[in-house]
Protein backbone atom coordinates (compact mmCIF):
# COMPACT_ATOMS: atom_id res chain seq x y z
CA MET A 1 0.54 -1.65 -23.31
CA ALA A 2 -0.43 1.89 -22.60
CA GLN A 3 -0.81 2.65 -18.87
CA GLU A 4 -4.41 3.37 -19.14
CA ASP A 5 -5.04 0.07 -20.61
CA LYS A 6 -2.89 -1.67 -18.20
CA PHE A 7 -4.99 -0.04 -15.27
CA LYS A 8 -8.27 -1.23 -17.13
CA ASN A 9 -6.86 -4.75 -17.11
CA VAL A 10 -6.18 -4.64 -13.32
CA LEU A 11 -9.72 -3.45 -12.58
CA SER A 12 -11.39 -5.99 -14.76
CA HIS A 13 -9.04 -8.85 -13.51
CA ALA A 14 -9.64 -7.92 -9.97
CA LYS A 15 -13.29 -8.41 -10.44
CA GLU A 16 -13.45 -11.45 -12.77
CA TYR A 17 -11.15 -13.49 -10.51
CA GLY A 18 -12.60 -12.74 -7.21
CA PHE A 19 -10.16 -10.12 -5.70
CA VAL A 20 -12.08 -6.86 -5.41
CA PHE A 21 -15.87 -5.95 -5.90
CA GLN A 22 -17.70 -2.67 -5.90
CA SER A 23 -19.50 -2.48 -2.49
CA SER A 24 -23.25 -2.59 -2.68
CA GLU A 25 -22.97 -3.26 -6.50
CA ILE A 26 -26.57 -4.58 -6.77
CA TYR A 27 -27.76 -1.13 -5.70
CA ASP A 28 -25.35 0.52 -8.32
CA GLY A 29 -22.52 0.76 -5.73
CA LEU A 30 -21.21 3.37 -3.38
CA SER A 31 -18.43 5.69 -4.66
CA ALA A 32 -14.97 4.87 -3.76
CA VAL A 33 -15.87 1.95 -1.34
CA TYR A 34 -15.07 -1.65 -2.29
CA ASP A 35 -15.31 -5.10 -0.95
CA TYR A 36 -12.48 -7.61 -0.94
CA ALA A 37 -13.69 -10.95 -2.34
CA GLN A 38 -12.76 -14.40 -1.68
CA ASN A 39 -9.27 -14.37 -3.13
CA GLY A 40 -8.67 -10.52 -2.44
CA VAL A 41 -9.37 -11.15 1.45
CA GLU A 42 -6.56 -13.77 1.29
CA LEU A 43 -4.11 -11.68 -0.43
CA LYS A 44 -4.87 -8.87 1.88
CA ASN A 45 -4.49 -10.91 4.77
CA ASN A 46 -1.10 -12.32 3.67
CA ILE A 47 0.20 -8.69 3.02
CA ARG A 48 -0.81 -7.68 6.50
CA ASN A 49 0.67 -10.68 8.30
CA TYR A 50 3.91 -10.08 6.09
CA TRP A 51 4.16 -6.54 7.52
CA TRP A 52 3.23 -7.67 11.03
CA LYS A 53 5.83 -10.41 11.15
CA ALA A 54 8.60 -8.12 9.79
CA MET A 55 7.55 -5.07 12.13
CA VAL A 56 6.57 -6.84 15.30
CA GLN A 57 7.63 -10.45 15.42
CA LEU A 58 11.22 -9.71 14.38
CA HIS A 59 11.79 -6.79 16.61
CA GLU A 60 12.11 -7.34 20.28
CA ASN A 61 11.43 -3.74 21.19
CA ILE A 62 8.30 -3.31 19.05
CA VAL A 63 4.74 -4.60 20.22
CA GLY A 64 1.14 -4.21 18.73
CA ILE A 65 -2.02 -2.92 19.84
CA ASP A 66 -5.56 -2.85 18.32
CA ALA A 67 -7.11 0.57 19.32
CA ALA A 68 -10.89 1.41 18.87
CA ILE A 69 -12.02 3.38 15.74
CA LEU A 70 -14.22 5.53 17.93
CA MET A 71 -12.14 7.69 20.20
CA HIS A 72 -12.93 10.70 22.62
CA PRO A 73 -13.61 13.84 20.54
CA THR A 74 -10.90 15.83 22.23
CA THR A 75 -8.29 13.39 20.80
CA TRP A 76 -8.84 15.01 17.40
CA LYS A 77 -8.74 18.55 18.77
CA ALA A 78 -5.37 17.78 20.36
CA SER A 79 -4.04 15.99 17.27
CA GLY A 80 -4.88 19.10 15.08
CA HIS A 81 -7.26 17.27 12.88
CA VAL A 82 -10.38 19.28 13.91
CA ASP A 83 -8.56 22.60 12.80
CA ALA A 84 -6.11 21.51 10.24
CA PHE A 85 -7.11 18.15 8.54
CA ASN A 86 -8.06 19.73 5.36
CA ASP A 87 -7.57 19.30 1.68
CA PRO A 88 -7.63 22.27 -0.91
CA LEU A 89 -11.01 21.90 -2.94
CA ILE A 90 -11.53 23.60 -6.31
CA ASP A 91 -14.71 23.29 -8.52
CA ASN A 92 -15.15 23.65 -12.16
CA LEU A 93 -18.00 26.02 -12.76
CA ASP A 94 -18.74 24.47 -16.49
CA SER A 95 -18.51 20.63 -15.77
CA LYS A 96 -19.72 21.05 -12.02
CA LYS A 97 -16.90 18.51 -10.95
CA ARG A 98 -14.86 19.00 -7.79
CA TYR A 99 -11.15 18.40 -7.53
CA ARG A 100 -8.32 18.59 -5.17
CA ALA A 101 -6.41 21.70 -6.31
CA ASP A 102 -2.90 20.05 -5.23
CA VAL A 103 -3.82 17.03 -7.15
CA LEU A 104 -4.51 18.91 -10.41
CA ILE A 105 -1.08 20.51 -10.13
CA GLU A 106 0.80 17.22 -9.26
CA ASP A 107 -1.02 15.62 -12.23
CA TYR A 108 0.42 18.43 -14.42
CA CYS A 109 3.83 17.73 -13.15
CA ALA A 110 3.33 14.03 -13.72
CA LYS A 111 2.75 14.81 -17.40
CA ILE A 112 6.07 16.71 -17.58
CA GLU A 113 7.70 13.67 -15.82
CA ALA A 114 6.28 11.48 -18.61
CA LYS A 115 8.07 13.73 -21.06
CA ILE A 116 11.37 13.04 -19.10
CA ASN A 117 10.79 9.32 -19.28
CA LYS A 118 10.13 9.49 -23.09
CA GLU A 119 13.51 11.18 -23.51
CA ILE A 120 15.31 8.56 -21.48
CA THR A 121 13.51 5.84 -23.41
CA LYS A 122 14.61 7.45 -26.74
CA ALA A 123 18.10 7.86 -25.62
CA SER A 124 18.21 4.35 -24.29
CA LYS A 125 17.28 2.96 -27.60
CA ARG A 126 19.75 5.08 -29.41
CA PHE A 127 22.67 4.24 -27.40
CA GLY A 128 21.98 0.70 -26.46
CA ASP A 129 24.28 -1.02 -23.93
CA ALA A 130 26.37 2.01 -23.84
CA PHE A 131 23.66 4.19 -22.33
CA ASN A 132 24.24 5.67 -18.94
CA ARG A 133 21.01 6.64 -17.39
CA ASP A 134 22.30 8.63 -14.48
CA GLU A 135 24.67 10.67 -16.66
CA PHE A 136 21.96 11.42 -19.25
CA VAL A 137 19.41 12.65 -16.61
CA SER A 138 22.00 14.94 -14.90
CA THR A 139 23.43 16.41 -18.28
CA ASN A 140 20.76 16.37 -20.84
CA PRO A 141 19.47 20.06 -21.33
CA ARG A 142 15.95 19.16 -22.23
CA VAL A 143 15.65 16.71 -19.16
CA LEU A 144 17.20 19.23 -16.91
CA GLY A 145 14.70 21.82 -17.98
CA TYR A 146 11.84 19.67 -17.39
CA GLN A 147 12.98 18.72 -13.95
CA GLU A 148 13.64 22.31 -12.99
CA LYS A 149 10.10 23.32 -14.09
CA ILE A 150 8.74 20.42 -11.98
CA ASP A 151 10.84 21.36 -8.90
CA THR A 152 9.70 25.02 -9.23
CA ILE A 153 6.03 24.24 -9.49
CA LEU A 154 6.01 21.65 -6.60
CA LYS A 155 8.16 24.07 -4.38
CA ARG A 156 5.71 27.02 -4.92
CA LEU A 157 2.72 24.70 -4.36
CA GLY A 158 4.34 23.45 -0.93
CA LYS A 159 5.10 26.97 0.22
CA SER A 160 1.47 28.10 -0.69
CA LEU A 161 -0.11 25.33 1.19
CA SER A 162 2.16 25.72 4.07
CA ASP A 163 1.22 29.43 4.31
CA GLU A 164 -2.40 28.54 3.50
CA ASN A 165 -2.21 31.00 0.56
CA LEU A 166 -5.18 29.39 -1.28
CA ALA A 167 -5.29 32.42 -3.73
CA ASP A 168 -1.81 31.50 -4.95
CA VAL A 169 -2.73 27.86 -5.39
CA LYS A 170 -5.54 29.06 -7.75
CA ALA A 171 -3.12 31.52 -9.41
CA LEU A 172 -0.77 28.68 -10.05
CA ILE A 173 -3.40 26.58 -11.70
CA GLU A 174 -4.36 29.54 -13.88
CA GLU A 175 -0.71 30.20 -14.90
CA LEU A 176 -0.17 26.64 -15.84
CA GLU A 177 -3.45 26.75 -17.85
CA ILE A 178 -4.60 23.58 -16.25
CA SER A 179 -7.92 22.47 -17.52
CA ASP A 180 -10.80 20.20 -16.22
CA PRO A 181 -9.64 16.62 -17.28
CA LEU A 182 -13.10 15.82 -18.40
CA SER A 183 -14.51 18.87 -20.10
CA GLY A 184 -11.30 20.83 -20.96
CA SER A 185 -12.87 23.94 -19.11
CA LYS A 186 -10.50 26.36 -17.28
CA ASN A 187 -13.32 28.08 -15.47
CA TRP A 188 -12.36 27.49 -11.86
CA THR A 189 -13.89 28.61 -8.57
CA ASP A 190 -11.63 30.05 -5.80
CA VAL A 191 -9.85 27.23 -3.79
CA LYS A 192 -11.18 26.55 -0.43
CA GLN A 193 -10.52 24.14 2.52
CA PHE A 194 -12.46 20.86 3.12
CA ASN A 195 -12.25 19.00 6.25
CA LEU A 196 -11.94 15.36 5.65
CA MET A 197 -13.27 13.65 8.85
CA PHE A 198 -16.49 11.69 9.00
CA GLY A 199 -18.83 12.78 11.80
CA THR A 200 -21.13 10.46 13.81
CA LYS A 201 -22.97 10.52 17.18
CA LEU A 202 -22.81 8.46 20.21
CA GLY A 203 -25.97 8.09 22.46
CA ALA A 204 -29.29 6.16 22.91
CA SER A 205 -31.30 9.21 22.00
CA ALA A 206 -31.39 12.31 19.98
CA ASP A 207 -31.43 14.55 23.06
CA ASN A 208 -28.49 13.00 24.74
CA THR A 209 -25.79 12.36 22.19
CA THR A 210 -22.01 13.06 21.90
CA ASP A 211 -20.54 14.27 18.52
CA LEU A 212 -17.80 11.80 17.58
CA TYR A 213 -15.65 11.19 14.45
CA LEU A 214 -14.60 8.13 12.70
CA ARG A 215 -10.83 8.04 13.06
CA PRO A 216 -8.96 9.56 10.11
CA GLU A 217 -5.77 7.76 11.09
CA THR A 218 -4.78 4.92 13.39
CA ALA A 219 -1.71 6.80 14.84
CA GLN A 220 -3.63 8.73 17.57
CA GLY A 221 -4.84 5.34 19.17
CA ILE A 222 -1.10 4.47 19.71
CA PHE A 223 -0.29 7.83 21.14
CA VAL A 224 -3.13 7.90 23.90
CA ASN A 225 -1.99 4.39 24.93
CA PHE A 226 1.82 5.27 24.97
CA LEU A 227 2.05 5.22 28.77
CA ASN A 228 -0.15 2.34 29.25
CA VAL A 229 1.87 0.10 26.81
CA GLN A 230 5.29 1.41 27.99
CA LYS A 231 4.42 0.57 31.79
CA THR A 232 2.65 -2.76 31.24
CA GLY A 233 5.30 -3.96 28.75
CA ARG A 234 8.13 -2.53 30.84
CA MET A 235 9.37 -1.08 27.37
CA LYS A 236 12.60 0.95 27.29
CA ILE A 237 13.45 3.88 24.89
CA PRO A 238 13.71 3.27 22.03
CA PHE A 239 10.70 1.25 21.34
CA GLY A 240 7.76 1.00 18.95
CA ILE A 241 4.05 0.36 18.96
CA ALA A 242 2.42 -1.12 15.82
CA GLN A 243 -1.14 -1.24 14.67
CA THR A 244 -3.14 -2.17 11.76
CA GLY A 245 -6.87 -1.08 11.21
CA LYS A 246 -9.44 0.90 9.40
CA ALA A 247 -9.40 4.68 8.94
CA PHE A 248 -12.00 6.97 7.16
CA ARG A 249 -11.72 10.03 5.21
CA ASN A 250 -14.30 12.07 3.34
CA GLU A 251 -12.07 12.44 0.15
CA ILE A 252 -12.94 15.09 -2.15
CA VAL A 253 -12.14 13.16 -5.19
CA ALA A 254 -11.76 9.42 -4.27
CA ARG A 255 -10.43 7.77 -7.45
CA GLN A 256 -8.04 5.32 -9.06
CA PHE A 257 -9.82 2.28 -7.77
CA ILE A 258 -8.44 1.11 -4.19
CA PHE A 259 -5.67 3.82 -4.24
CA ARG A 260 -7.71 6.52 -2.66
CA MET A 261 -10.83 5.38 -0.84
CA ARG A 262 -13.08 6.62 1.82
CA GLU A 263 -12.75 3.60 4.04
CA PHE A 264 -9.33 2.19 3.99
CA GLU A 265 -6.69 0.21 6.11
CA GLN A 266 -3.42 1.37 7.46
CA MET A 267 -0.45 -0.40 8.82
CA GLU A 268 1.55 2.10 11.17
CA MET A 269 4.28 1.88 13.67
CA GLN A 270 5.22 4.73 15.97
CA PHE A 271 8.60 4.49 17.19
CA PHE A 272 9.62 6.46 20.48
CA VAL A 273 13.02 7.66 20.79
CA LYS A 274 15.17 10.09 22.97
CA PRO A 275 14.96 13.62 21.78
CA GLY A 276 17.92 14.63 19.63
CA THR A 277 18.14 11.06 18.05
CA GLN A 278 15.02 11.40 15.82
CA LYS A 279 16.90 12.23 12.56
CA GLU A 280 19.38 9.15 13.02
CA TRP A 281 16.25 6.93 13.54
CA TYR A 282 14.43 8.54 10.68
CA GLU A 283 17.15 7.55 8.30
CA LYS A 284 17.24 4.06 9.69
CA TRP A 285 13.69 3.45 9.32
CA LYS A 286 13.75 4.84 5.80
CA GLU A 287 16.37 2.19 4.96
CA ASN A 288 14.63 -0.56 6.86
CA ARG A 289 11.18 0.07 5.13
CA MET A 290 12.70 0.21 1.58
CA LYS A 291 14.42 -3.18 2.42
CA TRP A 292 11.01 -4.70 3.35
CA HIS A 293 9.49 -3.48 0.01
CA LEU A 294 12.39 -4.88 -1.95
CA SER A 295 12.32 -8.35 -0.31
CA LEU A 296 9.08 -8.99 -2.36
CA GLY A 297 11.00 -8.80 -5.55
CA LEU A 298 8.71 -6.35 -7.39
CA GLY A 299 11.77 -4.53 -8.80
CA LYS A 300 14.02 -1.86 -7.36
CA ASP A 301 13.05 0.39 -10.32
CA ASN A 302 9.58 0.54 -9.25
CA TYR A 303 10.45 2.43 -6.00
CA ARG A 304 11.79 5.79 -5.09
CA PHE A 305 11.96 8.28 -2.29
CA HIS A 306 10.37 11.61 -2.44
CA ASP A 307 11.17 14.15 0.24
CA HIS A 308 8.21 16.32 1.23
CA ASP A 309 8.31 20.03 0.10
CA LYS A 310 5.50 20.85 2.54
CA LEU A 311 5.96 19.32 6.02
CA ALA A 312 2.89 18.55 8.15
CA HIS A 313 2.34 20.67 11.28
CA TYR A 314 4.02 17.87 13.48
CA ALA A 315 6.97 16.91 11.34
CA ASP A 316 10.71 17.99 11.18
CA ALA A 317 11.37 15.53 8.33
CA ALA A 318 9.09 13.56 5.98
CA ALA A 319 9.60 11.36 2.89
CA ASP A 320 7.47 9.09 0.89
CA ILE A 321 8.39 5.71 -0.72
CA GLU A 322 6.57 5.93 -4.02
CA PHE A 323 5.63 3.13 -6.23
CA LYS A 324 5.25 2.94 -9.94
CA PHE A 325 1.57 2.23 -10.31
CA PRO A 326 0.00 1.89 -13.77
CA PHE A 327 -0.92 5.57 -13.44
CA GLY A 328 2.54 6.69 -12.35
CA PHE A 329 4.68 7.06 -9.27
CA LYS A 330 2.52 7.73 -6.24
CA GLU A 331 2.85 7.59 -2.57
CA LEU A 332 2.90 4.08 -1.00
CA GLU A 333 4.30 4.54 2.43
CA GLY A 334 5.26 7.54 4.65
CA ILE A 335 8.22 7.79 6.89
CA HIS A 336 7.85 11.01 9.41
CA SER A 337 9.79 12.39 11.98
CA ARG A 338 6.79 13.67 14.11
CA THR A 339 8.87 15.30 16.94
CA ASP A 340 7.19 15.38 20.20
CA PHE A 341 4.15 17.20 18.97
CA ASP A 342 1.54 14.42 19.43
CA LEU A 343 2.42 13.37 23.12
CA LYS A 344 2.75 17.08 24.21
CA ALA A 345 -0.53 17.99 22.77
CA HIS A 346 -2.24 15.08 24.50
CA GLU A 347 -0.59 16.06 27.63
CA GLU A 348 -1.94 19.64 27.26
CA PHE A 349 -5.58 18.63 26.41
CA SER A 350 -5.81 15.75 28.84
CA GLY A 351 -4.05 17.15 31.72
CA LYS A 352 -2.03 14.01 32.22
CA LYS A 353 1.58 13.56 31.89
CA LEU A 354 2.77 11.33 28.95
CA GLN A 355 6.41 11.09 29.71
CA TYR A 356 9.15 8.49 29.81
CA PHE A 357 11.48 8.30 32.87
CA ASP A 358 15.06 7.47 31.58
CA HIS A 359 16.88 5.61 34.34
CA GLU A 360 20.24 6.23 32.60
CA GLU A 361 19.89 9.93 32.53
CA ASN A 362 17.76 10.09 35.76
CA LYS A 363 15.16 12.38 34.29
CA SER A 364 11.78 12.37 32.60
CA TYR A 365 11.08 13.68 29.11
CA VAL A 366 8.32 13.39 26.37
CA PRO A 367 9.92 11.17 23.73
CA TYR A 368 10.19 12.06 20.09
CA VAL A 369 8.55 9.84 17.42
CA VAL A 370 9.55 8.40 14.20
CA GLU A 371 6.48 6.96 12.24
CA THR A 372 6.19 4.60 9.36
CA SER A 373 2.67 4.44 7.77
CA ILE A 374 1.63 2.27 4.83
CA GLY A 375 -1.75 1.93 3.19
CA LEU A 376 -2.60 -1.68 3.09
CA ASP A 377 -5.03 -1.14 0.22
CA ARG A 378 -2.44 0.72 -1.83
CA MET A 379 0.10 -2.23 -1.16
CA PHE A 380 -2.57 -4.45 -2.25
CA LEU A 381 -2.83 -2.46 -5.57
CA ALA A 382 0.90 -2.14 -6.02
CA VAL A 383 1.53 -5.98 -5.56
CA PHE A 384 -1.51 -6.83 -7.75
CA SER A 385 -0.82 -4.31 -10.64
CA LYS A 386 2.89 -5.29 -10.79
CA ALA A 387 2.14 -9.01 -10.76
CA LEU A 388 -0.45 -8.95 -13.66
CA GLU A 389 1.04 -9.80 -16.81
CA ASP A 390 -0.13 -10.95 -20.31
CA GLU A 391 2.71 -13.26 -21.72
CA THR A 392 3.28 -14.52 -25.26
CA LEU A 393 4.66 -18.08 -25.09
CA GLU A 394 7.02 -19.74 -27.61
CA ASN A 395 4.27 -21.48 -29.31
CA GLY A 396 2.64 -18.05 -30.17
CA SER A 397 -0.19 -18.46 -27.72
CA THR A 398 -0.78 -16.17 -24.80
CA ARG A 399 -1.52 -16.57 -21.18
CA THR A 400 -2.60 -14.12 -18.42
CA VAL A 401 -0.66 -14.64 -15.16
CA LEU A 402 -0.56 -13.15 -11.86
CA LYS A 403 2.97 -13.38 -10.75
CA LEU A 404 2.33 -12.50 -7.18
CA PRO A 405 5.11 -13.14 -4.69
CA ALA A 406 4.55 -16.75 -3.49
CA VAL A 407 4.54 -15.75 0.19
CA LEU A 408 1.50 -13.34 -0.50
CA ALA A 409 -0.39 -15.60 -3.03
CA PRO A 410 -3.96 -16.30 -1.79
CA THR A 411 -3.72 -20.02 -2.65
CA LYS A 412 -0.29 -21.70 -2.37
CA ALA A 413 -1.03 -24.85 -4.59
CA ALA A 414 -3.81 -26.44 -6.58
CA ILE A 415 -4.23 -30.14 -6.68
CA LEU A 416 -5.56 -31.49 -9.97
CA PRO A 417 -6.56 -35.01 -10.55
CA LEU A 418 -5.84 -35.74 -14.43
CA VAL A 419 -9.19 -37.23 -14.88
CA LYS A 420 -12.28 -37.77 -12.76
CA LYS A 421 -12.02 -41.46 -12.41
CA ASP A 422 -9.71 -44.50 -11.63
CA GLY A 423 -9.21 -43.37 -8.11
CA LEU A 424 -7.26 -40.31 -9.03
CA PRO A 425 -9.78 -37.70 -7.33
CA GLU A 426 -9.46 -39.83 -4.08
CA ILE A 427 -5.60 -39.39 -4.08
CA ALA A 428 -5.96 -35.87 -4.85
CA LYS A 429 -8.19 -35.19 -2.04
CA LYS A 430 -5.98 -36.92 0.37
CA ILE A 431 -3.23 -34.60 -0.60
CA VAL A 432 -5.40 -31.73 -0.15
CA ALA A 433 -6.43 -33.03 3.39
CA ASP A 434 -2.84 -33.42 4.36
CA LEU A 435 -1.41 -30.08 2.92
CA GLN A 436 -4.35 -27.74 4.05
CA TRP A 437 -3.16 -27.81 7.60
CA ASP A 438 -0.12 -25.71 6.60
CA PHE A 439 -1.15 -24.00 3.39
CA ASN A 440 -4.22 -22.65 1.53
CA ILE A 441 -4.83 -25.41 -0.91
CA ALA A 442 -7.45 -25.50 -4.05
CA TYR A 443 -8.91 -28.50 -5.56
CA ASP A 444 -9.91 -28.38 -9.26
CA GLU A 445 -11.16 -31.23 -11.41
CA LYS A 446 -13.23 -29.31 -13.98
CA ASP A 447 -12.01 -28.93 -17.62
CA ALA A 448 -8.79 -30.12 -19.26
CA VAL A 449 -5.69 -29.88 -17.29
CA GLY A 450 -4.35 -27.17 -19.52
CA ARG A 451 -7.35 -24.90 -19.02
CA ARG A 452 -7.00 -25.59 -15.18
CA TYR A 453 -3.29 -24.41 -15.39
CA ARG A 454 -4.45 -21.19 -17.10
CA ARG A 455 -7.05 -20.65 -14.46
CA GLN A 456 -4.64 -21.03 -11.60
CA ASP A 457 -2.00 -18.85 -13.36
CA ALA A 458 -4.77 -16.10 -13.69
CA LEU A 459 -5.33 -16.55 -9.82
CA GLY A 460 -1.71 -16.29 -8.93
CA THR A 461 -1.30 -19.85 -7.64
CA PRO A 462 2.40 -20.58 -7.50
CA PHE A 463 2.14 -24.46 -7.98
CA CYS A 464 -0.19 -26.91 -9.69
CA ILE A 465 0.20 -30.40 -8.55
CA THR A 466 -1.23 -33.12 -11.08
CA VAL A 467 -2.15 -36.62 -9.96
CA ASP A 468 -2.09 -39.00 -12.86
CA HIS A 469 -2.17 -42.79 -13.46
CA ASP A 470 1.61 -43.11 -12.65
CA THR A 471 0.65 -41.83 -9.06
CA LEU A 472 -1.03 -45.13 -8.38
CA THR A 473 1.87 -47.07 -8.66
CA ASP A 474 4.87 -44.89 -7.60
CA ASN A 475 3.18 -42.25 -5.24
CA THR A 476 4.55 -39.37 -7.28
CA VAL A 477 2.90 -36.40 -8.72
CA THR A 478 3.80 -33.65 -11.30
CA ILE A 479 4.53 -30.20 -9.87
CA ARG A 480 4.31 -27.24 -12.21
CA TYR A 481 5.76 -23.90 -11.38
CA ARG A 482 3.57 -20.75 -12.22
CA ASP A 483 6.33 -18.41 -13.42
CA THR A 484 8.35 -20.70 -15.49
CA MET A 485 5.77 -23.41 -16.24
CA ASP A 486 8.51 -25.80 -15.63
CA GLN A 487 7.26 -29.31 -14.52
CA GLN A 488 9.07 -31.98 -12.39
CA ARG A 489 8.16 -35.23 -11.01
CA VAL A 490 8.23 -35.39 -7.11
CA ALA A 491 7.21 -37.73 -4.36
CA ILE A 492 4.01 -36.96 -2.65
CA LYS A 493 5.70 -37.06 0.76
CA ASP A 494 8.03 -34.24 -0.34
CA LEU A 495 5.41 -31.80 -1.44
CA LYS A 496 5.01 -29.97 2.01
CA ASN A 497 8.80 -29.26 2.03
CA ILE A 498 9.02 -28.08 -1.63
CA ILE A 499 6.08 -25.68 -1.03
CA ASP A 500 7.21 -24.41 2.33
CA GLN A 501 10.49 -23.51 0.88
CA GLU A 502 8.93 -21.18 -1.70
CA VAL A 503 6.08 -19.82 0.36
CA SER A 504 7.33 -19.34 3.94
CA PHE A 505 7.71 -16.04 5.69
CA LYS A 506 11.13 -16.96 6.82
CA HIS A 507 12.37 -17.62 3.24
CA TRP A 508 11.18 -14.12 2.23
CA LEU A 509 11.94 -11.90 5.18
CA GLN A 510 15.37 -13.18 5.50
CA LYS A 511 16.07 -10.99 2.40
CA ILE A 512 15.72 -7.91 4.65
CA GLY A 513 18.98 -8.87 6.41
């Protein structure tokens, strides 16, 4: 299936099965703003909890906070967002469409990368089991040429953005003959900077208001609370502060469904370390975060690291964990060595010390920070898009199945009475009443049991449990496994343990090691 068709399937499935709706749809919606529906909110909560347990509960030296969305406006001056939180904007004069200039160039490089993947696929078919991918990529002249072109373009883009040389960004677009994706026009305006923050006001009347911003990131709420948390929690370096919450960015081009939205949720952890040790901790957190992703079983080949060509003003090292979305490899999580920029900036603007007294060294210093930051909505899309499959079965029929990691599935089991009589619904409802203390359970008695299986497959439910007439005499039920469609007879009293072994956080998080 073509990537474009796969992505369309993701969008339609998300709506049809109650995962994601367009916000304010009855009023024709609001661009790049979405609502999580009854199944989507369960999946989203489960992803958030999976992250929180791995990040906070399993680390003695990491604690969590929930900082306010509205912060003192000087916060954003200190952090650099007022002056530097910009994206390069470019308009097409013919189509009147607006784009991020850097994204146009990155998409151009993605097309070259698609050519590399095509060469790899052709060679793999030609050589079969004898194919050595790494050797082919490192020696094939055509692949090497493509990769060199990508590297050259991205290196120049990174330098131009770092130097704020917007004229060269436009020159690069023109040299590459990049056209408007919609109209094909190459009639571009100059590139200019566009600040991404949403402004708002605080006050009871128009005469007495304070200009504020909706936070564009959650990290600053952690930094301004650094000393409060350190002292009240008696935290010793190294230690981390984690937070999940909403952030807001007035994106130039918000697109690709929930991948890039104007209102989104982040899961971030700022790890405070002794100056000089930040590179060591940076590498450790890169490894740790990749293990977390791989623990979900979405496939190692769907992840890769990408080192930044252009470093943010606060960083001395930065890398992204990229995921293979239906529209190609894109950033899923960032790991950044932020140095001591943030705490020092807040010291300067607030006039208050934000330092740690190291008893072992008998001195105070401003800690350095290593950050891990992942978009919850992007993680949702990564999991959802990878899990959605159209399978052709042995009998030639097809089924649509959402093979979500069981630990994240919105509903863990569906209880199905074979028929709506003979006392079977009553037994089924007793099973629901018992299991729903520990799991999110569904009850479904409508349609033939085969059709109900298909419905639960499409919802991502790992188990279907059927109550039939034999249940009346032997207290056993048939449990069906979503991914394999295997069925087995089990005692009702064993259901809790069977489900728990497959869906518990412990079962999945132990894979991290």
